[in-house]
Protein backbone atom coordinates (compact mmCIF):
# COMPACT_ATOMS: atom_id res chain seq x y z
CA MET A 1 -15.41 -6.64 6.74
CA LYS A 2 -15.53 -3.77 4.25
CA SER A 3 -18.63 -5.14 2.52
CA SER A 4 -20.34 -5.85 5.84
CA LEU A 5 -19.68 -2.34 7.14
CA CYS A 6 -21.05 -0.68 3.99
CA TYR A 7 -24.08 -2.97 3.94
CA SER A 8 -24.64 -2.14 7.60
CA ILE A 9 -24.73 1.58 6.77
CA LEU A 10 -27.41 0.99 4.14
CA TYR A 11 -29.32 -1.47 6.30
CA ASN A 12 -29.49 0.73 9.38
CA ASN A 13 -30.42 3.83 7.38
CA ALA A 14 -33.23 1.86 5.75
CA LEU A 15 -34.36 0.36 9.04
CA LYS A 16 -34.13 3.40 11.31
CA GLU A 17 -34.35 6.43 9.00
CA ASP A 18 -36.51 5.09 6.14
CA ILE A 19 -33.70 5.97 3.70
CA LYS A 20 -33.57 4.06 0.43
CA GLY A 21 -30.27 2.41 -0.52
CA LEU A 22 -28.84 0.35 -3.38
CA TYR A 23 -26.03 -2.17 -2.95
CA LEU A 24 -24.25 -2.96 -6.23
CA THR A 25 -22.08 -6.06 -5.87
CA LEU A 26 -19.68 -6.94 -8.67
CA GLU A 27 -17.89 -9.65 -6.68
CA GLN A 28 -20.56 -11.77 -4.99
CA ASP A 29 -23.87 -12.94 -6.35
CA ILE A 30 -26.97 -11.67 -4.58
CA GLN A 31 -27.81 -14.87 -2.71
CA SER A 32 -24.27 -15.21 -1.39
CA LEU A 33 -24.29 -11.61 -0.13
CA LYS A 34 -27.72 -12.04 1.47
CA GLN A 35 -26.57 -15.20 3.23
CA GLN A 36 -23.46 -13.45 4.53
CA MET A 37 -25.51 -10.55 5.90
CA LYS A 38 -28.13 -12.87 7.36
CA MET A 39 -25.38 -14.48 9.43
CA LEU A 40 -24.70 -10.99 10.82
CA LYS A 41 -28.42 -10.63 11.66
CA MET A 42 -28.99 -8.11 8.86
CA ASN A 43 -31.93 -9.37 6.84
CA GLY A 44 -33.55 -7.72 3.85
CA HIS A 45 -35.57 -4.51 4.00
CA LYS A 46 -38.02 -2.92 1.59
CA ASN A 47 -35.80 0.17 1.30
CA LEU A 48 -32.63 -1.79 0.53
CA SER A 49 -32.10 -3.18 -2.97
CA ILE A 50 -29.25 -5.45 -4.07
CA VAL A 51 -28.13 -5.78 -7.68
CA ASP A 52 -25.22 -7.70 -9.13
CA PHE A 53 -23.20 -8.12 -12.32
CA ASP A 54 -26.01 -9.96 -14.13
CA ASN A 55 -28.63 -7.32 -13.26
CA VAL A 56 -26.50 -4.53 -14.68
CA GLN A 57 -25.48 -6.48 -17.77
CA ASN A 58 -29.05 -7.52 -18.61
CA LYS A 59 -30.43 -4.01 -18.16
CA ILE A 60 -27.73 -2.30 -20.19
CA ASN A 61 -27.86 -4.89 -22.99
CA LYS A 62 -31.56 -4.17 -23.41
CA GLN A 63 -30.89 -0.46 -23.81
CA LYS A 64 -27.72 -0.25 -25.88
CA SER A 65 -24.37 -1.86 -26.46
CA GLU A 66 -21.75 -0.55 -24.03
CA GLU A 67 -18.50 -2.46 -23.57
CA ASN A 68 -16.78 -0.20 -21.05
CA TRP A 69 -17.95 -1.22 -17.59
CA ILE A 70 -17.24 2.17 -16.06
CA HIS A 71 -19.68 3.59 -18.60
CA ARG A 72 -22.11 0.72 -17.97
CA ILE A 73 -22.27 1.43 -14.23
CA LYS A 74 -22.65 5.13 -14.95
CA VAL A 75 -25.59 4.45 -17.31
CA TYR A 76 -27.15 2.07 -14.79
CA ILE A 77 -26.92 4.57 -11.92
CA ASP A 78 -28.26 7.36 -14.14
CA ASP A 79 -31.26 5.18 -14.84
CA ILE A 80 -32.08 4.52 -11.17
CA LYS A 81 -31.09 7.86 -9.60
CA ASP A 82 -34.64 9.25 -9.82
CA LYS A 83 -36.21 6.24 -8.09
CA GLY A 84 -35.84 7.62 -4.59
CA TYR A 85 -32.42 6.29 -3.67
CA ASP A 86 -30.23 8.30 -1.31
CA LEU A 87 -27.34 5.88 -0.75
CA ILE A 88 -25.42 3.60 -3.08
CA VAL A 89 -22.55 1.16 -2.50
CA VAL A 90 -20.29 -0.06 -5.32
CA ASP A 91 -18.51 -3.25 -4.27
CA SER A 92 -15.86 -2.98 -5.47
CA LEU A 93 -13.74 -0.63 -7.55
CA ASP A 94 -11.19 -3.40 -8.06
CA ALA A 95 -13.86 -5.71 -9.47
CA LEU A 96 -15.09 -2.90 -11.72
CA TYR A 97 -11.57 -2.30 -13.07
CA SER A 98 -11.11 -6.01 -13.77
CA LEU A 99 -14.16 -5.97 -16.06
CA THR A 100 -12.86 -3.37 -18.47
CA SER A 101 -9.72 -2.05 -20.12
CA ILE A 102 -8.68 1.32 -18.68
CA LYS A 103 -6.32 3.14 -21.03
CA ASP A 104 -6.31 6.52 -19.29
CA PRO A 105 -7.01 5.97 -15.55
CA ARG A 106 -6.94 9.65 -14.59
CA ARG A 107 -9.48 10.66 -17.24
CA GLU A 108 -11.79 7.64 -16.95
CA ILE A 109 -11.89 7.56 -13.15
CA PHE A 110 -12.45 11.33 -13.05
CA TYR A 111 -15.37 10.77 -15.43
CA PHE A 112 -16.77 8.05 -13.13
CA PHE A 113 -16.46 10.08 -9.93
CA THR A 114 -17.98 13.13 -11.61
CA ALA A 115 -20.89 11.02 -12.86
CA LEU A 116 -21.52 9.70 -9.34
CA ARG A 117 -21.35 13.19 -7.85
CA ASP A 118 -23.83 14.47 -10.44
CA THR A 119 -26.44 11.94 -9.25
CA ARG A 120 -26.57 13.76 -5.88
CA LEU A 121 -26.52 10.35 -4.15
CA THR A 122 -24.13 9.55 -1.32
CA SER A 123 -21.83 6.96 -2.88
CA LEU A 124 -19.69 4.50 -0.94
CA LEU A 125 -16.99 2.87 -3.07
CA ILE A 126 -15.16 -0.16 -1.68
CA SER A 127 -11.50 -0.51 -2.62
CA GLU A 128 -8.61 -2.82 -1.75
CA MET A 129 -5.11 -1.79 -0.73
CA SER A 130 -2.00 -3.70 -1.68
CA LEU A 131 0.07 -4.83 1.28
CA ASN A 132 2.59 -2.17 2.34
CA SER A 133 1.32 0.21 -0.35
CA PRO A 134 0.79 3.91 0.51
CA ASN A 135 -2.10 4.09 -1.98
CA TYR A 136 -5.65 3.64 -0.74
CA SER A 137 -6.83 2.37 -4.13
CA HIS A 138 -5.69 0.67 -7.30
CA TYR A 139 -4.49 3.69 -9.28
CA GLY A 140 -3.99 6.23 -6.49
CA VAL A 141 -5.93 8.94 -8.32
CA GLU A 142 -9.14 7.87 -6.53
CA ALA A 143 -7.83 9.28 -3.25
CA PHE A 144 -7.64 12.78 -4.76
CA LEU A 145 -11.11 12.55 -6.30
CA ALA A 146 -12.95 11.13 -3.28
CA ASP A 147 -14.53 13.48 -0.76
CA ALA A 148 -13.66 11.08 2.04
CA ILE A 149 -11.48 8.05 2.74
CA ILE A 150 -12.43 5.69 5.56
CA HIS A 151 -9.70 3.10 6.08
CA MET A 152 -10.19 -0.29 7.71
CA ASP A 153 -7.02 -2.03 8.85
CA PHE A 154 -6.09 -5.00 11.00
CA GLN A 155 -3.23 -6.14 13.19
CA LYS A 156 -2.27 -9.60 14.35
CA ARG A 157 -1.88 -9.93 18.11
CA GLY A 158 -0.13 -12.79 19.88
CA ASP A 159 2.45 -15.34 18.79
CA ILE A 160 1.01 -18.82 19.33
CA LEU A 161 -2.73 -18.21 19.60
CA SER A 162 -2.80 -15.06 17.50
CA SER A 163 -5.91 -13.06 16.71
CA LEU A 164 -6.80 -10.30 14.28
CA GLU A 165 -7.87 -6.92 15.62
CA ARG A 166 -9.66 -4.57 13.23
CA TYR A 167 -9.25 -0.79 13.29
CA ILE A 168 -10.94 2.07 11.48
CA GLY A 169 -9.75 5.59 10.80
CA ILE A 170 -10.76 8.64 8.77
CA VAL A 171 -7.88 9.47 6.45
CA LYS A 172 -9.70 12.28 4.66
CA MET A 173 -13.06 14.04 4.85
CA ARG A 174 -13.46 17.30 3.01
CA ASN A 175 -14.78 20.35 4.88
CA THR A 176 -14.92 18.39 8.13
CA TYR A 177 -12.75 18.42 11.23
CA HIS A 178 -12.04 14.82 12.18
CA ASP A 179 -9.85 12.81 14.50
CA THR A 180 -6.82 11.26 12.81
CA HIS A 181 -6.46 8.32 15.20
CA TYR A 182 -7.38 4.74 14.37
CA PHE A 183 -9.89 3.10 16.70
CA PRO A 184 -10.87 -0.53 17.28
CA ILE A 185 -14.03 -1.68 15.51
CA LEU A 186 -15.96 -4.81 16.47
CA TYR A 187 -19.15 -6.45 15.31
CA THR A 188 -20.99 -7.38 18.50
CA ASP A 189 -24.65 -7.60 19.51
CA ASN A 190 -25.66 -7.48 15.82
CA ARG A 191 -24.01 -4.13 15.14
CA PHE A 192 -20.66 -2.47 14.51
CA THR A 193 -19.15 -0.61 17.45
CA VAL A 194 -16.24 1.80 17.17
CA TYR A 195 -14.44 2.31 20.47
CA ALA A 196 -13.65 6.00 20.80
CA ARG A 197 -11.14 7.88 22.94
CA GLU A 198 -13.41 7.91 25.97
CA ASP A 199 -13.98 4.15 25.76
CA LEU A 200 -10.24 3.52 25.63
CA GLU A 201 -9.45 6.15 28.28
CA LEU A 202 -7.06 7.99 25.97
CA GLU A 203 -5.85 11.46 26.80
């Protein structure tokens, strides 16, 4: 539920705080994403915009030829950064990498992260982990460049009628004291709930 959690952050900030957000999906088309979020009782909002692969490609093609998709996304975000947005989600880094040839990951990803930081927007980048891998992203360098890493994990409980339990933990958050435990996260009553120490009666 990585996409759902990030969308929820944008949706609730738009709904409750009047904060403008942009969701950039490179995996799903817009209608598919909207349908998924509608099932979770998160409908559209005037302060929440969704763009996909086609939107970015059409806009960039009208401006100039740019084959590298890391550069394309950077140009696209540069173009919209002065339109009042405060939050942006890129879903996902793995989809972005699949669209382009990365010859020097350390240099190109540093360039991308620096470009995002220069926009002064709060950027949420969704990434996949390989099973049993210690890296929180495709190349590993992203973990050093990111200001924070929020990790969602799951465990299977039971043998015959097994179920998946989702957990969330803060692996890294610069300049912030944070708990290092993982806590259960559920989507109930049309919202995500993280069960903290007090809820679980932990010492």
